[in-house]
Amino acid sequence: MGEELISKKDVLELTGISYGQLYRWKRKGLIPEAWFIRRSTFTGQETFFPREKILARIEEIRALKEGQSLDELVQILAPETAPEAVKHDQPTSLNPIGPGAAGLLWKEGGYSFSELVALACGAAALRAGIPLPEARLLVDLVRDGEALLRSPTGVAVVLGEKALDGKAFSVRTVFGVVGREPVRLDRESRVKHRLELEPVAEQVKQALREVR
């Protein structure tokens, strides 16, 4: 079952914000482009949103904007719009990553938002029993897909495994795939680990808010 949607008209009525505010926040990146969903209705094309996500995000913006500029809010609520603006020196202190993921680190500090999300993906794989070298593969995969973090809704990260058997050899290869759902592997491969990118990104955002 898909997410419950809410129309733009109902969003404006429920929250009391204006059309201009909604689209100003969209231009700033506070509300992801992917949340603006165009659907055909009997009156023509209308815009809908994932109900829980849009209402929660508007509540967050309104709660924080009195003491923050919009640019500061972008770094707090939507750092994926400018991942280079986030610099964190102790990734393992963040709950989505944790001390158990120390083996995934590749530098002393200065991790951007996209790099923190990549580490969180690797950490989730480790907690699921995936070996360290394969978790590192996922980290590298997400790091290389930074553009996807600017709109992570519906993006999946998949670790696959494939066996190649011949008369005199047998080889097992592990590979990673990242992309928008549905992400499918060929029939000779199996899924070892799969996760959705958006919840991981949200967990990292929340962890960053808590240390501010």
N, C-alpha and C. Protein backbone atom coordinates (compact mmCIF):
# COMPACT_ATOMS: atom_id res chain seq x y z
N MET A 1 0.85 -1.19 0.00
CA MET A 1 0.00 0.00 0.00
C MET A 1 0.89 1.24 0.00
N GLY A 2 0.56 2.23 -0.86
CA GLY A 2 1.36 3.43 -0.96
C GLY A 2 1.05 4.42 0.15
N GLU A 3 1.83 5.49 0.18
CA GLU A 3 1.63 6.52 1.19
C GLU A 3 0.31 7.25 0.97
N GLU A 4 -0.31 7.67 2.05
CA GLU A 4 -1.53 8.48 1.95
C GLU A 4 -1.14 9.86 1.44
N LEU A 5 -1.89 10.35 0.46
CA LEU A 5 -1.60 11.66 -0.13
C LEU A 5 -2.58 12.70 0.36
N ILE A 6 -2.15 13.96 0.31
CA ILE A 6 -3.00 15.08 0.68
C ILE A 6 -2.84 16.15 -0.40
N SER A 7 -3.94 16.79 -0.77
CA SER A 7 -3.88 17.79 -1.83
C SER A 7 -3.22 19.08 -1.34
N LYS A 8 -2.72 19.86 -2.28
CA LYS A 8 -2.11 21.14 -1.93
C LYS A 8 -3.12 22.04 -1.23
N LYS A 9 -4.34 22.06 -1.73
CA LYS A 9 -5.39 22.88 -1.14
C LYS A 9 -5.60 22.51 0.33
N ASP A 10 -5.64 21.22 0.63
CA ASP A 10 -5.85 20.78 2.00
C ASP A 10 -4.64 21.09 2.88
N VAL A 11 -3.45 21.01 2.31
CA VAL A 11 -2.25 21.37 3.08
C VAL A 11 -2.32 22.82 3.52
N LEU A 12 -2.66 23.70 2.58
CA LEU A 12 -2.72 25.13 2.90
C LEU A 12 -3.80 25.41 3.93
N GLU A 13 -4.94 24.73 3.82
CA GLU A 13 -6.04 24.95 4.77
C GLU A 13 -5.70 24.41 6.17
N LEU A 14 -5.07 23.24 6.22
CA LEU A 14 -4.77 22.62 7.51
C LEU A 14 -3.67 23.36 8.27
N THR A 15 -2.68 23.86 7.53
CA THR A 15 -1.51 24.46 8.18
C THR A 15 -1.61 25.97 8.30
N GLY A 16 -2.44 26.60 7.47
CA GLY A 16 -2.56 28.05 7.50
C GLY A 16 -1.44 28.79 6.81
N ILE A 17 -0.56 28.07 6.11
CA ILE A 17 0.50 28.76 5.37
C ILE A 17 -0.04 29.21 4.02
N SER A 18 0.68 30.10 3.37
CA SER A 18 0.25 30.62 2.08
C SER A 18 0.89 29.84 0.93
N TYR A 19 0.31 30.01 -0.24
CA TYR A 19 0.88 29.42 -1.46
C TYR A 19 2.32 29.90 -1.63
N GLY A 20 2.55 31.19 -1.39
CA GLY A 20 3.88 31.75 -1.55
C GLY A 20 4.89 31.14 -0.61
N GLN A 21 4.49 30.93 0.66
CA GLN A 21 5.40 30.30 1.63
C GLN A 21 5.77 28.89 1.18
N LEU A 22 4.77 28.14 0.75
CA LEU A 22 5.00 26.75 0.34
C LEU A 22 6.04 26.68 -0.75
N TYR A 23 5.89 27.53 -1.76
CA TYR A 23 6.81 27.46 -2.90
C TYR A 23 8.14 28.15 -2.62
N ARG A 24 8.18 29.08 -1.68
CA ARG A 24 9.46 29.65 -1.26
C ARG A 24 10.28 28.58 -0.54
N TRP A 25 9.62 27.81 0.32
CA TRP A 25 10.31 26.73 1.01
C TRP A 25 10.76 25.66 0.03
N LYS A 26 9.96 25.43 -1.01
CA LYS A 26 10.37 24.47 -2.03
C LYS A 26 11.62 24.95 -2.75
N ARG A 27 11.65 26.23 -3.14
CA ARG A 27 12.82 26.77 -3.86
C ARG A 27 14.08 26.69 -3.01
N LYS A 28 13.94 26.87 -1.70
CA LYS A 28 15.08 26.79 -0.79
C LYS A 28 15.54 25.35 -0.57
N GLY A 29 14.68 24.39 -0.91
CA GLY A 29 15.02 23.00 -0.68
C GLY A 29 14.51 22.44 0.63
N LEU A 30 13.74 23.25 1.38
CA LEU A 30 13.21 22.78 2.66
C LEU A 30 12.13 21.72 2.46
N ILE A 31 11.44 21.79 1.35
CA ILE A 31 10.46 20.77 0.98
C ILE A 31 10.94 20.13 -0.32
N PRO A 32 11.26 18.84 -0.30
CA PRO A 32 11.84 18.19 -1.48
C PRO A 32 10.94 18.26 -2.72
N GLU A 33 11.56 18.43 -3.85
CA GLU A 33 10.85 18.44 -5.13
C GLU A 33 10.04 17.16 -5.31
N ALA A 34 10.61 16.04 -4.85
CA ALA A 34 9.94 14.74 -5.04
C ALA A 34 8.62 14.64 -4.29
N TRP A 35 8.39 15.53 -3.30
CA TRP A 35 7.13 15.48 -2.55
C TRP A 35 6.00 16.16 -3.30
N PHE A 36 6.30 16.92 -4.34
CA PHE A 36 5.28 17.59 -5.15
C PHE A 36 4.85 16.61 -6.25
N ILE A 37 3.74 15.95 -6.03
CA ILE A 37 3.29 14.87 -6.91
C ILE A 37 2.11 15.36 -7.74
N ARG A 38 2.26 15.33 -9.06
CA ARG A 38 1.20 15.77 -9.95
C ARG A 38 0.30 14.58 -10.31
N ARG A 39 -1.00 14.76 -10.12
CA ARG A 39 -1.97 13.71 -10.43
C ARG A 39 -3.13 14.29 -11.22
N SER A 40 -3.70 13.47 -12.08
CA SER A 40 -4.88 13.89 -12.84
C SER A 40 -6.13 13.70 -11.98
N THR A 41 -6.99 14.72 -11.97
CA THR A 41 -8.27 14.64 -11.26
C THR A 41 -9.36 15.08 -12.23
N PHE A 42 -10.61 15.03 -11.79
CA PHE A 42 -11.71 15.41 -12.68
C PHE A 42 -11.68 16.90 -13.01
N THR A 43 -10.91 17.67 -12.23
CA THR A 43 -10.80 19.12 -12.52
C THR A 43 -9.52 19.44 -13.29
N GLY A 44 -8.71 18.42 -13.59
CA GLY A 44 -7.45 18.63 -14.30
C GLY A 44 -6.27 18.14 -13.47
N GLN A 45 -5.08 18.71 -13.70
CA GLN A 45 -3.88 18.34 -12.96
C GLN A 45 -3.85 19.05 -11.60
N GLU A 46 -3.61 18.29 -10.53
CA GLU A 46 -3.49 18.89 -9.21
C GLU A 46 -2.24 18.36 -8.53
N THR A 47 -1.76 19.10 -7.53
CA THR A 47 -0.56 18.73 -6.79
C THR A 47 -0.94 18.09 -5.46
N PHE A 48 -0.31 16.96 -5.18
CA PHE A 48 -0.51 16.25 -3.93
C PHE A 48 0.84 16.04 -3.24
N PHE A 49 0.78 15.70 -1.96
CA PHE A 49 1.98 15.47 -1.16
C PHE A 49 1.81 14.21 -0.32
N PRO A 50 2.92 13.55 0.08
CA PRO A 50 2.81 12.49 1.10
C PRO A 50 2.33 13.14 2.40
N ARG A 51 1.18 12.75 2.88
CA ARG A 51 0.51 13.47 3.96
C ARG A 51 1.37 13.62 5.22
N GLU A 52 1.86 12.50 5.75
CA GLU A 52 2.60 12.57 7.01
C GLU A 52 3.88 13.38 6.86
N LYS A 53 4.57 13.22 5.74
CA LYS A 53 5.85 13.90 5.56
C LYS A 53 5.69 15.40 5.43
N ILE A 54 4.73 15.85 4.62
CA ILE A 54 4.58 17.28 4.39
C ILE A 54 4.09 17.98 5.65
N LEU A 55 3.14 17.39 6.36
CA LEU A 55 2.62 18.04 7.56
C LEU A 55 3.69 18.10 8.66
N ALA A 56 4.48 17.03 8.78
CA ALA A 56 5.55 17.03 9.78
C ALA A 56 6.63 18.05 9.42
N ARG A 57 6.97 18.15 8.14
CA ARG A 57 8.01 19.10 7.73
C ARG A 57 7.56 20.54 7.94
N ILE A 58 6.32 20.85 7.61
CA ILE A 58 5.82 22.21 7.82
C ILE A 58 5.82 22.55 9.30
N GLU A 59 5.45 21.59 10.14
CA GLU A 59 5.47 21.82 11.59
C GLU A 59 6.89 22.10 12.07
N GLU A 60 7.86 21.36 11.53
CA GLU A 60 9.26 21.58 11.91
C GLU A 60 9.73 22.96 11.48
N ILE A 61 9.42 23.35 10.25
CA ILE A 61 9.84 24.65 9.74
C ILE A 61 9.27 25.76 10.61
N ARG A 62 7.99 25.67 10.91
CA ARG A 62 7.34 26.72 11.69
C ARG A 62 7.89 26.78 13.11
N ALA A 63 8.26 25.63 13.67
CA ALA A 63 8.78 25.61 15.03
C ALA A 63 10.18 26.20 15.12
N LEU A 64 10.94 26.09 14.03
CA LEU A 64 12.34 26.51 14.07
C LEU A 64 12.62 27.86 13.44
N LYS A 65 11.73 28.33 12.57
CA LYS A 65 12.08 29.48 11.75
C LYS A 65 12.16 30.80 12.53
N GLU A 66 11.56 30.85 13.72
CA GLU A 66 11.63 32.09 14.50
C GLU A 66 13.06 32.42 14.92
N GLY A 67 13.85 31.39 15.20
CA GLY A 67 15.21 31.64 15.65
C GLY A 67 16.27 31.35 14.62
N GLN A 68 15.86 31.02 13.39
CA GLN A 68 16.82 30.65 12.35
C GLN A 68 16.45 31.34 11.05
N SER A 69 17.46 31.64 10.24
CA SER A 69 17.20 32.12 8.88
C SER A 69 16.84 30.91 8.01
N LEU A 70 16.26 31.17 6.83
CA LEU A 70 15.91 30.07 5.93
C LEU A 70 17.15 29.30 5.52
N ASP A 71 18.28 30.00 5.31
CA ASP A 71 19.51 29.31 4.94
C ASP A 71 19.99 28.39 6.06
N GLU A 72 19.83 28.84 7.31
CA GLU A 72 20.20 27.99 8.43
C GLU A 72 19.26 26.79 8.54
N LEU A 73 17.99 27.01 8.25
CA LEU A 73 17.03 25.91 8.29
C LEU A 73 17.35 24.85 7.24
N VAL A 74 17.86 25.27 6.10
CA VAL A 74 18.24 24.32 5.06
C VAL A 74 19.28 23.35 5.61
N GLN A 75 20.27 23.87 6.33
CA GLN A 75 21.32 23.01 6.87
C GLN A 75 20.79 22.08 7.95
N ILE A 76 19.75 22.53 8.68
CA ILE A 76 19.19 21.71 9.75
C ILE A 76 18.21 20.66 9.22
N LEU A 77 17.28 21.10 8.35
CA LEU A 77 16.19 20.23 7.92
C LEU A 77 16.43 19.56 6.57
N ALA A 78 17.21 20.17 5.72
CA ALA A 78 17.40 19.63 4.37
C ALA A 78 18.85 19.75 3.93
N PRO A 79 19.79 19.20 4.70
CA PRO A 79 21.21 19.33 4.33
C PRO A 79 21.56 18.66 3.02
N GLU A 80 20.67 17.76 2.52
CA GLU A 80 20.96 17.11 1.25
C GLU A 80 20.95 18.09 0.08
N THR A 81 20.33 19.28 0.27
CA THR A 81 20.34 20.26 -0.81
C THR A 81 21.69 20.93 -0.95
N ALA A 82 22.51 20.86 0.10
CA ALA A 82 23.87 21.41 0.05
C ALA A 82 24.76 20.54 0.94
N PRO A 83 25.03 19.29 0.53
CA PRO A 83 25.75 18.35 1.40
C PRO A 83 27.13 18.84 1.80
N GLU A 84 27.74 19.68 0.96
CA GLU A 84 29.07 20.16 1.28
C GLU A 84 29.06 21.16 2.44
N ALA A 85 27.87 21.68 2.79
CA ALA A 85 27.77 22.66 3.88
C ALA A 85 27.84 22.00 5.25
N VAL A 86 27.61 20.69 5.31
CA VAL A 86 27.66 19.96 6.58
C VAL A 86 29.06 19.38 6.76
N LYS A 87 29.67 19.65 7.90
CA LYS A 87 30.96 19.06 8.23
C LYS A 87 30.89 18.51 9.65
N HIS A 88 31.07 17.21 9.78
CA HIS A 88 30.98 16.56 11.09
C HIS A 88 32.23 15.72 11.30
N ASP A 89 32.87 15.91 12.45
CA ASP A 89 34.17 15.28 12.67
C ASP A 89 34.11 13.93 13.37
N GLN A 90 32.98 13.60 13.98
CA GLN A 90 32.89 12.34 14.73
C GLN A 90 31.65 11.54 14.31
N PRO A 91 31.69 10.94 13.13
CA PRO A 91 30.51 10.21 12.63
C PRO A 91 30.02 9.12 13.56
N THR A 92 30.95 8.44 14.25
CA THR A 92 30.53 7.31 15.09
C THR A 92 29.79 7.77 16.34
N SER A 93 29.76 9.08 16.60
CA SER A 93 28.98 9.59 17.74
C SER A 93 27.51 9.75 17.39
N LEU A 94 27.17 9.64 16.11
CA LEU A 94 25.78 9.76 15.66
C LEU A 94 25.11 8.39 15.74
N ASN A 95 23.90 8.35 16.28
CA ASN A 95 23.21 7.07 16.48
C ASN A 95 23.06 6.22 15.22
N PRO A 96 22.74 6.80 14.05
CA PRO A 96 22.57 5.93 12.88
C PRO A 96 23.87 5.26 12.43
N ILE A 97 25.01 5.73 12.93
CA ILE A 97 26.31 5.16 12.55
C ILE A 97 26.86 4.35 13.72
N GLY A 98 27.26 5.00 14.79
CA GLY A 98 27.67 4.31 16.01
C GLY A 98 29.10 3.80 15.98
N PRO A 99 29.65 3.48 17.17
CA PRO A 99 31.04 3.03 17.28
C PRO A 99 31.35 1.76 16.51
N GLY A 100 30.34 0.92 16.34
CA GLY A 100 30.56 -0.33 15.63
C GLY A 100 30.91 -0.16 14.17
N ALA A 101 30.72 1.05 13.65
CA ALA A 101 31.01 1.31 12.23
C ALA A 101 32.35 2.00 12.04
N ALA A 102 33.20 2.00 13.07
CA ALA A 102 34.49 2.68 12.98
C ALA A 102 35.33 2.17 11.81
N GLY A 103 35.18 0.90 11.48
CA GLY A 103 35.95 0.31 10.38
C GLY A 103 35.56 0.83 9.01
N LEU A 104 34.45 1.58 8.94
CA LEU A 104 34.01 2.14 7.65
C LEU A 104 34.61 3.51 7.37
N LEU A 105 35.19 4.16 8.38
CA LEU A 105 35.71 5.51 8.22
C LEU A 105 36.93 5.51 7.30
N TRP A 106 37.07 6.57 6.53
CA TRP A 106 38.21 6.64 5.61
C TRP A 106 39.02 7.93 5.76
N LYS A 107 38.62 8.80 6.70
CA LYS A 107 39.40 10.01 6.94
C LYS A 107 39.19 10.45 8.38
N GLU A 108 39.97 11.43 8.82
CA GLU A 108 39.95 11.85 10.22
C GLU A 108 38.68 12.60 10.61
N GLY A 109 38.15 13.43 9.73
CA GLY A 109 36.97 14.23 10.06
C GLY A 109 36.48 14.98 8.84
N GLY A 110 35.57 15.94 9.07
CA GLY A 110 35.06 16.74 7.97
C GLY A 110 34.13 15.98 7.04
N TYR A 111 33.24 15.16 7.61
CA TYR A 111 32.32 14.38 6.79
C TYR A 111 31.11 15.22 6.40
N SER A 112 30.79 15.22 5.11
CA SER A 112 29.62 15.94 4.61
C SER A 112 28.36 15.15 4.89
N PHE A 113 27.20 15.76 4.63
CA PHE A 113 25.94 15.07 4.86
C PHE A 113 25.85 13.78 4.03
N SER A 114 26.20 13.86 2.76
CA SER A 114 26.10 12.67 1.91
C SER A 114 27.04 11.57 2.39
N GLU A 115 28.20 11.95 2.90
CA GLU A 115 29.14 10.95 3.42
C GLU A 115 28.62 10.32 4.71
N LEU A 116 27.95 11.12 5.54
CA LEU A 116 27.35 10.58 6.76
C LEU A 116 26.23 9.60 6.43
N VAL A 117 25.43 9.90 5.42
CA VAL A 117 24.36 8.98 5.01
C VAL A 117 24.98 7.69 4.47
N ALA A 118 26.05 7.82 3.71
CA ALA A 118 26.73 6.63 3.19
C ALA A 118 27.23 5.76 4.34
N LEU A 119 27.82 6.38 5.36
CA LEU A 119 28.27 5.63 6.52
C LEU A 119 27.11 4.97 7.26
N ALA A 120 25.98 5.68 7.37
CA ALA A 120 24.81 5.12 8.03
C ALA A 120 24.28 3.91 7.27
N CYS A 121 24.35 3.94 5.96
CA CYS A 121 23.94 2.77 5.16
C CYS A 121 24.85 1.58 5.44
N GLY A 122 26.16 1.86 5.49
CA GLY A 122 27.11 0.80 5.80
C GLY A 122 26.92 0.26 7.20
N ALA A 123 26.65 1.16 8.15
CA ALA A 123 26.43 0.73 9.53
C ALA A 123 25.19 -0.15 9.65
N ALA A 124 24.13 0.20 8.91
CA ALA A 124 22.91 -0.61 8.92
C ALA A 124 23.19 -2.00 8.37
N ALA A 125 24.03 -2.07 7.35
CA ALA A 125 24.40 -3.37 6.78
C ALA A 125 25.19 -4.20 7.80
N LEU A 126 26.13 -3.57 8.51
CA LEU A 126 26.89 -4.29 9.53
C LEU A 126 25.97 -4.85 10.61
N ARG A 127 25.00 -4.04 11.03
CA ARG A 127 24.07 -4.51 12.07
C ARG A 127 23.21 -5.67 11.58
N ALA A 128 23.03 -5.75 10.26
CA ALA A 128 22.24 -6.84 9.69
C ALA A 128 23.09 -8.08 9.42
N GLY A 129 24.39 -8.03 9.81
CA GLY A 129 25.25 -9.20 9.66
C GLY A 129 26.07 -9.23 8.38
N ILE A 130 26.07 -8.14 7.63
CA ILE A 130 26.85 -8.08 6.40
C ILE A 130 28.33 -7.89 6.76
N PRO A 131 29.26 -8.63 6.14
CA PRO A 131 30.69 -8.49 6.45
C PRO A 131 31.21 -7.08 6.14
N LEU A 132 32.24 -6.66 6.85
CA LEU A 132 32.78 -5.32 6.70
C LEU A 132 33.16 -4.96 5.27
N PRO A 133 33.87 -5.82 4.51
CA PRO A 133 34.23 -5.42 3.14
C PRO A 133 33.00 -5.15 2.25
N GLU A 134 31.92 -5.90 2.48
CA GLU A 134 30.71 -5.70 1.68
C GLU A 134 29.96 -4.45 2.14
N ALA A 135 30.00 -4.17 3.44
CA ALA A 135 29.41 -2.92 3.94
C ALA A 135 30.16 -1.72 3.37
N ARG A 136 31.49 -1.83 3.23
CA ARG A 136 32.27 -0.76 2.62
C ARG A 136 31.85 -0.53 1.17
N LEU A 137 31.49 -1.61 0.49
CA LEU A 137 31.02 -1.50 -0.88
C LEU A 137 29.76 -0.63 -0.94
N LEU A 138 28.85 -0.83 0.00
CA LEU A 138 27.64 -0.01 0.05
C LEU A 138 27.96 1.45 0.33
N VAL A 139 28.91 1.68 1.24
CA VAL A 139 29.32 3.05 1.56
C VAL A 139 29.83 3.75 0.31
N ASP A 140 30.71 3.08 -0.43
CA ASP A 140 31.26 3.68 -1.66
C ASP A 140 30.16 3.94 -2.69
N LEU A 141 29.21 3.03 -2.75
CA LEU A 141 28.12 3.16 -3.71
C LEU A 141 27.28 4.40 -3.42
N VAL A 142 26.92 4.61 -2.16
CA VAL A 142 26.10 5.76 -1.80
C VAL A 142 26.90 7.06 -1.93
N ARG A 143 28.16 7.03 -1.58
CA ARG A 143 29.01 8.23 -1.74
C ARG A 143 29.03 8.69 -3.20
N ASP A 144 29.09 7.75 -4.11
CA ASP A 144 29.13 8.08 -5.53
C ASP A 144 27.78 8.53 -6.06
N GLY A 145 26.70 8.27 -5.32
CA GLY A 145 25.35 8.64 -5.77
C GLY A 145 24.83 9.87 -5.05
N GLU A 146 25.71 10.84 -4.78
CA GLU A 146 25.34 12.02 -4.00
C GLU A 146 24.11 12.74 -4.55
N ALA A 147 23.97 12.80 -5.88
CA ALA A 147 22.84 13.52 -6.47
C ALA A 147 21.51 12.92 -6.03
N LEU A 148 21.46 11.61 -5.79
CA LEU A 148 20.22 10.97 -5.37
C LEU A 148 19.77 11.46 -4.00
N LEU A 149 20.70 11.90 -3.16
CA LEU A 149 20.35 12.37 -1.83
C LEU A 149 19.59 13.69 -1.86
N ARG A 150 19.65 14.39 -2.97
CA ARG A 150 18.90 15.63 -3.08
C ARG A 150 17.42 15.35 -3.29
N SER A 151 17.10 14.12 -3.65
CA SER A 151 15.71 13.70 -3.79
C SER A 151 15.64 12.19 -3.53
N PRO A 152 15.77 11.78 -2.24
CA PRO A 152 15.94 10.35 -1.93
C PRO A 152 14.65 9.54 -1.89
N THR A 153 13.49 10.19 -2.07
CA THR A 153 12.22 9.45 -2.00
C THR A 153 12.19 8.36 -3.06
N GLY A 154 11.92 7.13 -2.64
CA GLY A 154 11.81 6.01 -3.58
C GLY A 154 13.13 5.45 -4.05
N VAL A 155 14.24 5.85 -3.43
CA VAL A 155 15.56 5.33 -3.82
C VAL A 155 15.92 4.15 -2.92
N ALA A 156 16.38 3.07 -3.52
CA ALA A 156 16.79 1.88 -2.78
C ALA A 156 18.26 1.59 -3.01
N VAL A 157 18.91 1.05 -1.98
CA VAL A 157 20.30 0.61 -2.07
C VAL A 157 20.28 -0.90 -1.86
N VAL A 158 20.83 -1.63 -2.82
CA VAL A 158 20.74 -3.09 -2.79
C VAL A 158 22.14 -3.70 -2.90
N LEU A 159 22.41 -4.66 -2.02
CA LEU A 159 23.62 -5.46 -2.11
C LEU A 159 23.22 -6.82 -2.65
N GLY A 160 23.77 -7.18 -3.79
CA GLY A 160 23.42 -8.44 -4.43
C GLY A 160 24.57 -9.42 -4.46
N GLU A 161 24.25 -10.66 -4.69
CA GLU A 161 25.26 -11.72 -4.76
C GLU A 161 24.95 -12.62 -5.94
N LYS A 162 26.01 -13.01 -6.66
CA LYS A 162 25.84 -13.86 -7.83
C LYS A 162 26.92 -14.93 -7.85
N ALA A 163 26.55 -16.16 -8.12
CA ALA A 163 27.49 -17.27 -8.21
C ALA A 163 27.74 -17.60 -9.67
N LEU A 164 29.00 -17.71 -10.03
CA LEU A 164 29.40 -18.10 -11.38
C LEU A 164 30.08 -19.46 -11.29
N ASP A 165 29.42 -20.48 -11.82
CA ASP A 165 29.94 -21.85 -11.70
C ASP A 165 30.32 -22.39 -13.07
N GLY A 166 31.52 -22.95 -13.14
CA GLY A 166 31.98 -23.61 -14.35
C GLY A 166 32.45 -25.01 -14.03
N LYS A 167 32.99 -25.71 -15.03
CA LYS A 167 33.44 -27.08 -14.81
C LYS A 167 34.61 -27.15 -13.83
N ALA A 168 35.47 -26.14 -13.87
CA ALA A 168 36.67 -26.20 -13.03
C ALA A 168 36.75 -25.05 -12.04
N PHE A 169 35.67 -24.29 -11.92
CA PHE A 169 35.74 -23.16 -11.00
C PHE A 169 34.35 -22.81 -10.46
N SER A 170 34.36 -22.10 -9.37
CA SER A 170 33.14 -21.56 -8.81
C SER A 170 33.49 -20.23 -8.15
N VAL A 171 32.83 -19.17 -8.60
CA VAL A 171 33.15 -17.83 -8.12
C VAL A 171 31.88 -17.17 -7.58
N ARG A 172 32.00 -16.56 -6.42
CA ARG A 172 30.89 -15.80 -5.85
C ARG A 172 31.26 -14.33 -5.88
N THR A 173 30.42 -13.53 -6.47
CA THR A 173 30.69 -12.10 -6.55
C THR A 173 29.58 -11.31 -5.87
N VAL A 174 29.97 -10.26 -5.18
CA VAL A 174 29.02 -9.39 -4.49
C VAL A 174 29.08 -8.02 -5.15
N PHE A 175 27.93 -7.41 -5.37
CA PHE A 175 27.88 -6.13 -6.06
C PHE A 175 26.79 -5.26 -5.44
N GLY A 176 26.86 -3.97 -5.70
CA GLY A 176 25.87 -3.05 -5.18
C GLY A 176 25.15 -2.31 -6.29
N VAL A 177 23.90 -1.97 -6.03
CA VAL A 177 23.08 -1.22 -6.99
C VAL A 177 22.32 -0.15 -6.21
N VAL A 178 22.28 1.06 -6.73
CA VAL A 178 21.47 2.11 -6.13
C VAL A 178 20.64 2.76 -7.22
N GLY A 179 19.39 3.01 -6.95
CA GLY A 179 18.52 3.63 -7.95
C GLY A 179 17.09 3.73 -7.45
N ARG A 180 16.26 4.29 -8.27
CA ARG A 180 14.85 4.46 -7.88
C ARG A 180 14.09 3.15 -8.07
N GLU A 181 13.20 2.90 -7.13
CA GLU A 181 12.41 1.67 -7.19
C GLU A 181 11.53 1.67 -8.44
N PRO A 182 11.25 0.48 -9.00
CA PRO A 182 11.72 -0.82 -8.51
C PRO A 182 13.15 -1.13 -8.98
N VAL A 183 14.02 -1.47 -8.04
CA VAL A 183 15.38 -1.90 -8.35
C VAL A 183 15.37 -3.42 -8.40
N ARG A 184 15.70 -3.97 -9.55
CA ARG A 184 15.65 -5.43 -9.73
C ARG A 184 17.02 -5.96 -10.12
N LEU A 185 17.29 -7.19 -9.69
CA LEU A 185 18.50 -7.89 -10.08
C LEU A 185 18.14 -8.95 -11.11
N ASP A 186 19.14 -9.45 -11.82
CA ASP A 186 18.86 -10.51 -12.80
C ASP A 186 18.51 -11.81 -12.08
N ARG A 187 17.98 -12.76 -12.81
CA ARG A 187 17.44 -13.98 -12.20
C ARG A 187 18.51 -14.82 -11.53
N GLU A 188 19.76 -14.67 -11.91
CA GLU A 188 20.82 -15.48 -11.34
C GLU A 188 21.42 -14.85 -10.08
N SER A 189 20.92 -13.70 -9.69
CA SER A 189 21.43 -13.01 -8.51
C SER A 189 20.40 -13.04 -7.39
N ARG A 190 20.89 -12.90 -6.18
CA ARG A 190 19.99 -12.82 -5.02
C ARG A 190 20.31 -11.55 -4.23
N VAL A 191 19.31 -11.04 -3.53
CA VAL A 191 19.48 -9.86 -2.70
C VAL A 191 20.03 -10.27 -1.34
N LYS A 192 21.18 -9.73 -0.98
CA LYS A 192 21.75 -9.96 0.35
C LYS A 192 21.25 -8.94 1.37
N HIS A 193 21.09 -7.71 0.89
CA HIS A 193 20.69 -6.63 1.80
C HIS A 193 20.05 -5.53 0.97
N ARG A 194 18.96 -4.99 1.47
CA ARG A 194 18.27 -3.89 0.78
C ARG A 194 17.81 -2.88 1.82
N LEU A 195 17.95 -1.61 1.51
CA LEU A 195 17.42 -0.57 2.38
C LEU A 195 16.95 0.62 1.56
N GLU A 196 16.02 1.35 2.12
CA GLU A 196 15.52 2.57 1.48
C GLU A 196 16.37 3.75 1.94
N LEU A 197 16.76 4.59 1.01
CA LEU A 197 17.68 5.67 1.31
C LEU A 197 17.03 6.80 2.12
N GLU A 198 15.77 7.10 1.84
CA GLU A 198 15.13 8.24 2.50
C GLU A 198 15.07 8.09 4.02
N PRO A 199 14.63 6.95 4.58
CA PRO A 199 14.62 6.84 6.04
C PRO A 199 16.01 6.98 6.66
N VAL A 200 17.03 6.47 5.97
CA VAL A 200 18.40 6.60 6.50
C VAL A 200 18.80 8.07 6.52
N ALA A 201 18.49 8.80 5.43
CA ALA A 201 18.81 10.23 5.38
C ALA A 201 18.08 10.98 6.49
N GLU A 202 16.83 10.62 6.75
CA GLU A 202 16.06 11.28 7.80
C GLU A 202 16.66 11.00 9.18
N GLN A 203 17.14 9.78 9.39
CA GLN A 203 17.77 9.45 10.67
C GLN A 203 19.03 10.28 10.88
N VAL A 204 19.82 10.47 9.82
CA VAL A 204 21.04 11.27 9.93
C VAL A 204 20.69 12.73 10.21
N LYS A 205 19.66 13.24 9.53
CA LYS A 205 19.22 14.62 9.79
C LYS A 205 18.85 14.79 11.26
N GLN A 206 18.07 13.85 11.78
CA GLN A 206 17.63 13.95 13.18
C GLN A 206 18.82 13.91 14.12
N ALA A 207 19.79 13.05 13.84
CA ALA A 207 20.96 12.95 14.68
C ALA A 207 21.77 14.25 14.66
N LEU A 208 21.86 14.88 13.49
CA LEU A 208 22.58 16.15 13.39
C LEU A 208 21.86 17.26 14.15
N ARG A 209 20.53 17.25 14.13
CA ARG A 209 19.77 18.26 14.88
C ARG A 209 20.05 18.13 16.38
N GLU A 210 20.17 16.90 16.85
CA GLU A 210 20.33 16.64 18.28
C GLU A 210 21.68 17.11 18.81
N VAL A 211 22.69 17.20 17.92
CA VAL A 211 24.01 17.64 18.38
C VAL A 211 24.25 19.11 18.18
N ARG A 212 23.27 19.83 17.62
CA ARG A 212 23.44 21.27 17.40
C ARG A 212 23.27 22.03 18.72
